[in-house]
Amino acid sequence: MVRDPWICQITGQLVWEVNCVSCARCVRSRVDSSVPCWRRRSTSTNNMSAVAMVMRTNVHNKSIQKEFLSKLTEYMAKLFGIETKNVTLELHLEAQMMRAGSTAPMMNVDLHHNSNRASQANKPELATDIAKFISAQIRIPEDRILVLFFDTRKCT
C-alpha cells in the first residue's frame, strides 16, 4: 500500500514512512493540508506551552466546590504564563488512598508540562504554590498534597 507523503513540522522534510523519524508520535501534516504537528516549536506570536494536571484524591464529591476546576484553570494559566485554552485538568474523586498509614484527605497531582517555568530550581516553589492553592480551595492539608512534574518535551 502506497501512502501519501507527509511534511515533518520539525525538520520540514518530506516523509514517506508511516512514522516520521524525528517525531514518531506527531500528527504529521499532509502536503496539501495545514494540520499542525503536535511538537511544533512555538514562535514569539504563538505560545504553544501547555499544562495538563491529573489529580487523584480520596475526598468526597461534596467536598469539591463547583468552581474549583475553573479557578484552578485560571490559576495554572497565570502561574505558567499561558492561555486558559492550554490548560487541561482531570480530577478523580473518592479514590482509595493511604499515605503514612493514614487515609486522611490527600491528593496526588501529576503535572505534565512543556514549559521552562517548571525548571529543576523552580519545582519546589511551584509545588508549594500549587499545594497552597489546592489546600485553600478544598481543605486538604498542604503536607498531604503531592505534586509530581513531568516534562513532556523529554517524553518519547
C-alpha atoms as a PDB file:
ATOM      1  CA  MET A   1       0.000   0.000   0.000  1.00  0.00           C
ATOM      2  CA  VAL A   2       1.463   3.373  -1.015  1.00  0.00           C
ATOM      3  CA  ARG A   3       0.917   6.219   1.426  1.00  0.00           C
ATOM      4  CA  ASP A   4       0.807   9.906   0.631  1.00  0.00           C
ATOM      5  CA  PRO A   5       3.851  11.858   1.825  1.00  0.00           C
ATOM      6  CA  TRP A   6       3.841  13.961   4.983  1.00  0.00           C
ATOM      7  CA  ILE A   7       5.851  17.034   5.859  1.00  0.00           C
ATOM      8  CA  CYS A   8       7.531  16.883   9.257  1.00  0.00           C
ATOM      9  CA  GLN A   9       6.880  20.186  11.029  1.00  0.00           C
ATOM     10  CA  ILE A  10      10.181  19.969  12.907  1.00  0.00           C
ATOM     11  CA  THR A  11      12.600  19.128  10.117  1.00  0.00           C
ATOM     12  CA  GLY A  12      10.494  20.312   7.179  1.00  0.00           C
ATOM     13  CA  GLN A  13      11.446  17.138   5.290  1.00  0.00           C
ATOM     14  CA  LEU A  14       9.111  15.114   3.141  1.00  0.00           C
ATOM     15  CA  VAL A  15       8.368  11.801   4.872  1.00  0.00           C
ATOM     16  CA  TRP A  16       7.059   8.680   3.122  1.00  0.00           C
ATOM     17  CA  GLU A  17       7.162   6.387   6.159  1.00  0.00           C
ATOM     18  CA  VAL A  18       4.262   5.640   8.481  1.00  0.00           C
ATOM     19  CA  ASN A  19       6.219   7.162  11.379  1.00  0.00           C
ATOM     20  CA  CYS A  20       8.317  10.274  10.988  1.00  0.00           C
ATOM     21  CA  VAL A  21      11.854   9.686  12.250  1.00  0.00           C
ATOM     22  CA  SER A  22      12.112  12.992  14.129  1.00  0.00           C
ATOM     23  CA  CYS A  23       8.788  12.788  15.958  1.00  0.00           C
ATOM     24  CA  ALA A  24       7.257   9.328  15.793  1.00  0.00           C
ATOM     25  CA  ARG A  25       4.111  10.302  17.714  1.00  0.00           C
ATOM     26  CA  CYS A  26       3.335  13.524  15.885  1.00  0.00           C
ATOM     27  CA  VAL A  27       0.239  14.310  13.922  1.00  0.00           C
ATOM     28  CA  ARG A  28       2.037  14.974  10.663  1.00  0.00           C
ATOM     29  CA  SER A  29       0.878  17.473   8.071  1.00  0.00           C
ATOM     30  CA  ARG A  30      -0.203  16.246   4.703  1.00  0.00           C
ATOM     31  CA  VAL A  31       1.411  18.125   1.846  1.00  0.00           C
ATOM     32  CA  ASP A  32      -1.936  19.662   0.945  1.00  0.00           C
ATOM     33  CA  SER A  33      -3.304  20.498   4.415  1.00  0.00           C
ATOM     34  CA  SER A  34      -2.447  22.613   7.412  1.00  0.00           C
ATOM     35  CA  VAL A  35      -2.803  20.120  10.280  1.00  0.00           C
ATOM     36  CA  PRO A  36      -0.087  21.162  12.755  1.00  0.00           C
ATOM     37  CA  CYS A  37       2.484  18.807  14.200  1.00  0.00           C
ATOM     38  CA  TRP A  38       1.931  18.228  17.942  1.00  0.00           C
ATOM     39  CA  ARG A  39       5.584  19.121  18.632  1.00  0.00           C
ATOM     40  CA  ARG A  40       5.699  22.316  16.585  1.00  0.00           C
ATOM     41  CA  ARG A  41       8.003  24.749  18.289  1.00  0.00           C
ATOM     42  CA  SER A  42       6.366  27.927  19.476  1.00  0.00           C
ATOM     43  CA  THR A  43       7.130  31.258  17.927  1.00  0.00           C
ATOM     44  CA  SER A  44       7.069  34.658  19.575  1.00  0.00           C
ATOM     45  CA  THR A  45       3.483  35.197  18.373  1.00  0.00           C
ATOM     46  CA  ASN A  46       2.219  31.657  19.031  1.00  0.00           C
ATOM     47  CA  ASN A  47       2.946  30.281  22.502  1.00  0.00           C
ATOM     48  CA  MET A  48       2.315  26.548  22.420  1.00  0.00           C
ATOM     49  CA  SER A  49       3.180  25.887  26.065  1.00  0.00           C
ATOM     50  CA  ALA A  50       0.595  23.720  27.750  1.00  0.00           C
ATOM     51  CA  VAL A  51      -0.151  22.185  31.130  1.00  0.00           C
ATOM     52  CA  ALA A  52      -2.162  19.062  31.932  1.00  0.00           C
ATOM     53  CA  MET A  53      -2.932  18.084  35.522  1.00  0.00           C
ATOM     54  CA  VAL A  54      -4.239  14.706  36.604  1.00  0.00           C
ATOM     55  CA  MET A  55      -5.421  14.874  40.207  1.00  0.00           C
ATOM     56  CA  ARG A  56      -6.421  11.916  42.353  1.00  0.00           C
ATOM     57  CA  THR A  57      -7.926  12.393  45.793  1.00  0.00           C
ATOM     58  CA  ASN A  58      -9.820  10.437  48.414  1.00  0.00           C
ATOM     59  CA  VAL A  59     -12.193  13.291  49.248  1.00  0.00           C
ATOM     60  CA  HIS A  60     -15.903  13.020  48.514  1.00  0.00           C
ATOM     61  CA  ASN A  61     -17.612  14.765  45.609  1.00  0.00           C
ATOM     62  CA  LYS A  62     -19.494  17.051  48.020  1.00  0.00           C
ATOM     63  CA  SER A  63     -16.187  18.443  49.321  1.00  0.00           C
ATOM     64  CA  ILE A  64     -15.342  19.986  45.941  1.00  0.00           C
ATOM     65  CA  GLN A  65     -16.799  23.380  45.046  1.00  0.00           C
ATOM     66  CA  LYS A  66     -18.355  23.704  41.593  1.00  0.00           C
ATOM     67  CA  GLU A  67     -15.892  26.465  40.718  1.00  0.00           C
ATOM     68  CA  PHE A  68     -12.787  24.517  41.777  1.00  0.00           C
ATOM     69  CA  LEU A  69     -11.704  23.430  38.276  1.00  0.00           C
ATOM     70  CA  SER A  70     -12.425  26.854  36.796  1.00  0.00           C
ATOM     71  CA  LYS A  71     -10.418  28.610  39.493  1.00  0.00           C
ATOM     72  CA  LEU A  72      -7.577  26.122  39.172  1.00  0.00           C
ATOM     73  CA  THR A  73      -7.530  26.583  35.384  1.00  0.00           C
ATOM     74  CA  GLU A  74      -7.171  30.349  35.800  1.00  0.00           C
ATOM     75  CA  TYR A  75      -4.506  29.904  38.465  1.00  0.00           C
ATOM     76  CA  MET A  76      -2.421  27.463  36.387  1.00  0.00           C
ATOM     77  CA  ALA A  77      -2.659  29.683  33.303  1.00  0.00           C
ATOM     78  CA  LYS A  78      -1.399  32.641  35.334  1.00  0.00           C
ATOM     79  CA  LEU A  79       1.303  30.575  37.054  1.00  0.00           C
ATOM     80  CA  PHE A  80       2.696  29.262  33.756  1.00  0.00           C
ATOM     81  CA  GLY A  81       2.010  32.400  31.707  1.00  0.00           C
ATOM     82  CA  ILE A  82      -0.228  30.621  29.201  1.00  0.00           C
ATOM     83  CA  GLU A  83      -3.786  30.950  27.941  1.00  0.00           C
ATOM     84  CA  THR A  84      -6.542  29.030  29.708  1.00  0.00           C
ATOM     85  CA  LYS A  85      -7.213  27.090  26.496  1.00  0.00           C
ATOM     86  CA  ASN A  86      -3.813  25.419  27.016  1.00  0.00           C
ATOM     87  CA  VAL A  87      -4.678  24.111  30.484  1.00  0.00           C
ATOM     88  CA  THR A  88      -6.233  20.657  30.852  1.00  0.00           C
ATOM     89  CA  LEU A  89      -7.440  19.343  34.207  1.00  0.00           C
ATOM     90  CA  GLU A  90      -8.603  15.876  35.175  1.00  0.00           C
ATOM     91  CA  LEU A  91      -9.972  15.202  38.656  1.00  0.00           C
ATOM     92  CA  HIS A  92     -10.599  11.743  40.120  1.00  0.00           C
ATOM     93  CA  LEU A  93     -12.563  11.735  43.374  1.00  0.00           C
ATOM     94  CA  GLU A  94     -13.141   9.156  46.108  1.00  0.00           C
ATOM     95  CA  ALA A  95     -10.030   7.133  45.277  1.00  0.00           C
ATOM     96  CA  GLN A  96      -8.828   4.656  47.865  1.00  0.00           C
ATOM     97  CA  MET A  97      -5.580   6.231  49.053  1.00  0.00           C
ATOM     98  CA  MET A  98      -3.247   5.994  52.016  1.00  0.00           C
ATOM     99  CA  ARG A  99      -0.121   7.928  52.933  1.00  0.00           C
ATOM    100  CA  ALA A 100       1.971   7.333  56.056  1.00  0.00           C
ATOM    101  CA  GLY A 101      -0.592   4.814  57.291  1.00  0.00           C
ATOM    102  CA  SER A 102      -3.419   7.352  57.210  1.00  0.00           C
ATOM    103  CA  THR A 103      -6.451   7.687  54.966  1.00  0.00           C
ATOM    104  CA  ALA A 104      -6.898  11.355  55.931  1.00  0.00           C
ATOM    105  CA  PRO A 105      -7.729  13.655  52.990  1.00  0.00           C
ATOM    106  CA  MET A 106      -4.888  13.736  50.474  1.00  0.00           C
ATOM    107  CA  MET A 107      -4.197  14.396  46.789  1.00  0.00           C
ATOM    108  CA  ASN A 108      -1.641  13.255  44.240  1.00  0.00           C
ATOM    109  CA  VAL A 109      -1.080  15.573  41.270  1.00  0.00           C
ATOM    110  CA  ASP A 110       0.675  14.591  38.044  1.00  0.00           C
ATOM    111  CA  LEU A 111       1.573  17.839  36.294  1.00  0.00           C
ATOM    112  CA  HIS A 112       2.504  17.369  32.633  1.00  0.00           C
ATOM    113  CA  HIS A 113       4.072  20.437  31.009  1.00  0.00           C
ATOM    114  CA  ASN A 114       6.276  21.621  28.159  1.00  0.00           C
ATOM    115  CA  SER A 115       7.429  24.822  29.806  1.00  0.00           C
ATOM    116  CA  ASN A 116      10.715  26.179  31.103  1.00  0.00           C
ATOM    117  CA  ARG A 117       8.727  27.599  34.033  1.00  0.00           C
ATOM    118  CA  ALA A 118       8.989  24.232  35.812  1.00  0.00           C
ATOM    119  CA  SER A 119      12.775  24.064  35.852  1.00  0.00           C
ATOM    120  CA  GLN A 120      14.623  21.924  38.367  1.00  0.00           C
ATOM    121  CA  ALA A 121      15.298  25.007  40.501  1.00  0.00           C
ATOM    122  CA  ASN A 122      11.646  26.192  40.416  1.00  0.00           C
ATOM    123  CA  LYS A 123       9.883  22.870  41.057  1.00  0.00           C
ATOM    124  CA  PRO A 124       9.861  23.031  44.883  1.00  0.00           C
ATOM    125  CA  GLU A 125       8.429  26.563  44.847  1.00  0.00           C
ATOM    126  CA  LEU A 126       5.857  25.678  42.167  1.00  0.00           C
ATOM    127  CA  ALA A 127       4.790  22.546  44.036  1.00  0.00           C
ATOM    128  CA  THR A 128       4.357  24.552  47.240  1.00  0.00           C
ATOM    129  CA  ASP A 129       2.347  27.262  45.456  1.00  0.00           C
ATOM    130  CA  ILE A 130       0.070  24.707  43.789  1.00  0.00           C
ATOM    131  CA  ALA A 131      -0.411  22.795  47.073  1.00  0.00           C
ATOM    132  CA  LYS A 132      -1.311  26.042  48.886  1.00  0.00           C
ATOM    133  CA  PHE A 133      -3.874  26.942  46.245  1.00  0.00           C
ATOM    134  CA  ILE A 134      -5.486  23.486  46.274  1.00  0.00           C
ATOM    135  CA  SER A 135      -5.427  23.370  50.079  1.00  0.00           C
ATOM    136  CA  ALA A 136      -7.254  26.688  50.298  1.00  0.00           C
ATOM    137  CA  GLN A 137      -9.904  25.518  47.824  1.00  0.00           C
ATOM    138  CA  ILE A 138     -10.720  22.006  49.063  1.00  0.00           C
ATOM    139  CA  ARG A 139      -9.323  21.855  52.600  1.00  0.00           C
ATOM    140  CA  ILE A 140      -6.667  19.193  52.115  1.00  0.00           C
ATOM    141  CA  PRO A 141      -3.587  19.898  54.269  1.00  0.00           C
ATOM    142  CA  GLU A 142      -0.625  21.123  52.202  1.00  0.00           C
ATOM    143  CA  ASP A 143       1.603  18.347  53.506  1.00  0.00           C
ATOM    144  CA  ARG A 144      -0.897  15.776  52.154  1.00  0.00           C
ATOM    145  CA  ILE A 145      -0.694  17.108  48.568  1.00  0.00           C
ATOM    146  CA  LEU A 146       2.000  15.569  46.377  1.00  0.00           C
ATOM    147  CA  VAL A 147       2.855  17.348  43.120  1.00  0.00           C
ATOM    148  CA  LEU A 148       4.942  15.442  40.563  1.00  0.00           C
ATOM    149  CA  PHE A 149       6.261  17.155  37.420  1.00  0.00           C
ATOM    150  CA  PHE A 150       6.566  15.515  34.004  1.00  0.00           C
ATOM    151  CA  ASP A 151       8.308  17.474  31.239  1.00  0.00           C
ATOM    152  CA  THR A 152       6.622  16.245  28.063  1.00  0.00           C
ATOM    153  CA  ARG A 153       9.442  17.600  25.903  1.00  0.00           C
ATOM    154  CA  LYS A 154      11.573  14.766  27.280  1.00  0.00           C
ATOM    155  CA  CYS A 155       8.974  12.064  26.652  1.00  0.00           C
ATOM    156  CA  THR A 156       9.155   9.794  23.630  1.00  0.00           C
END
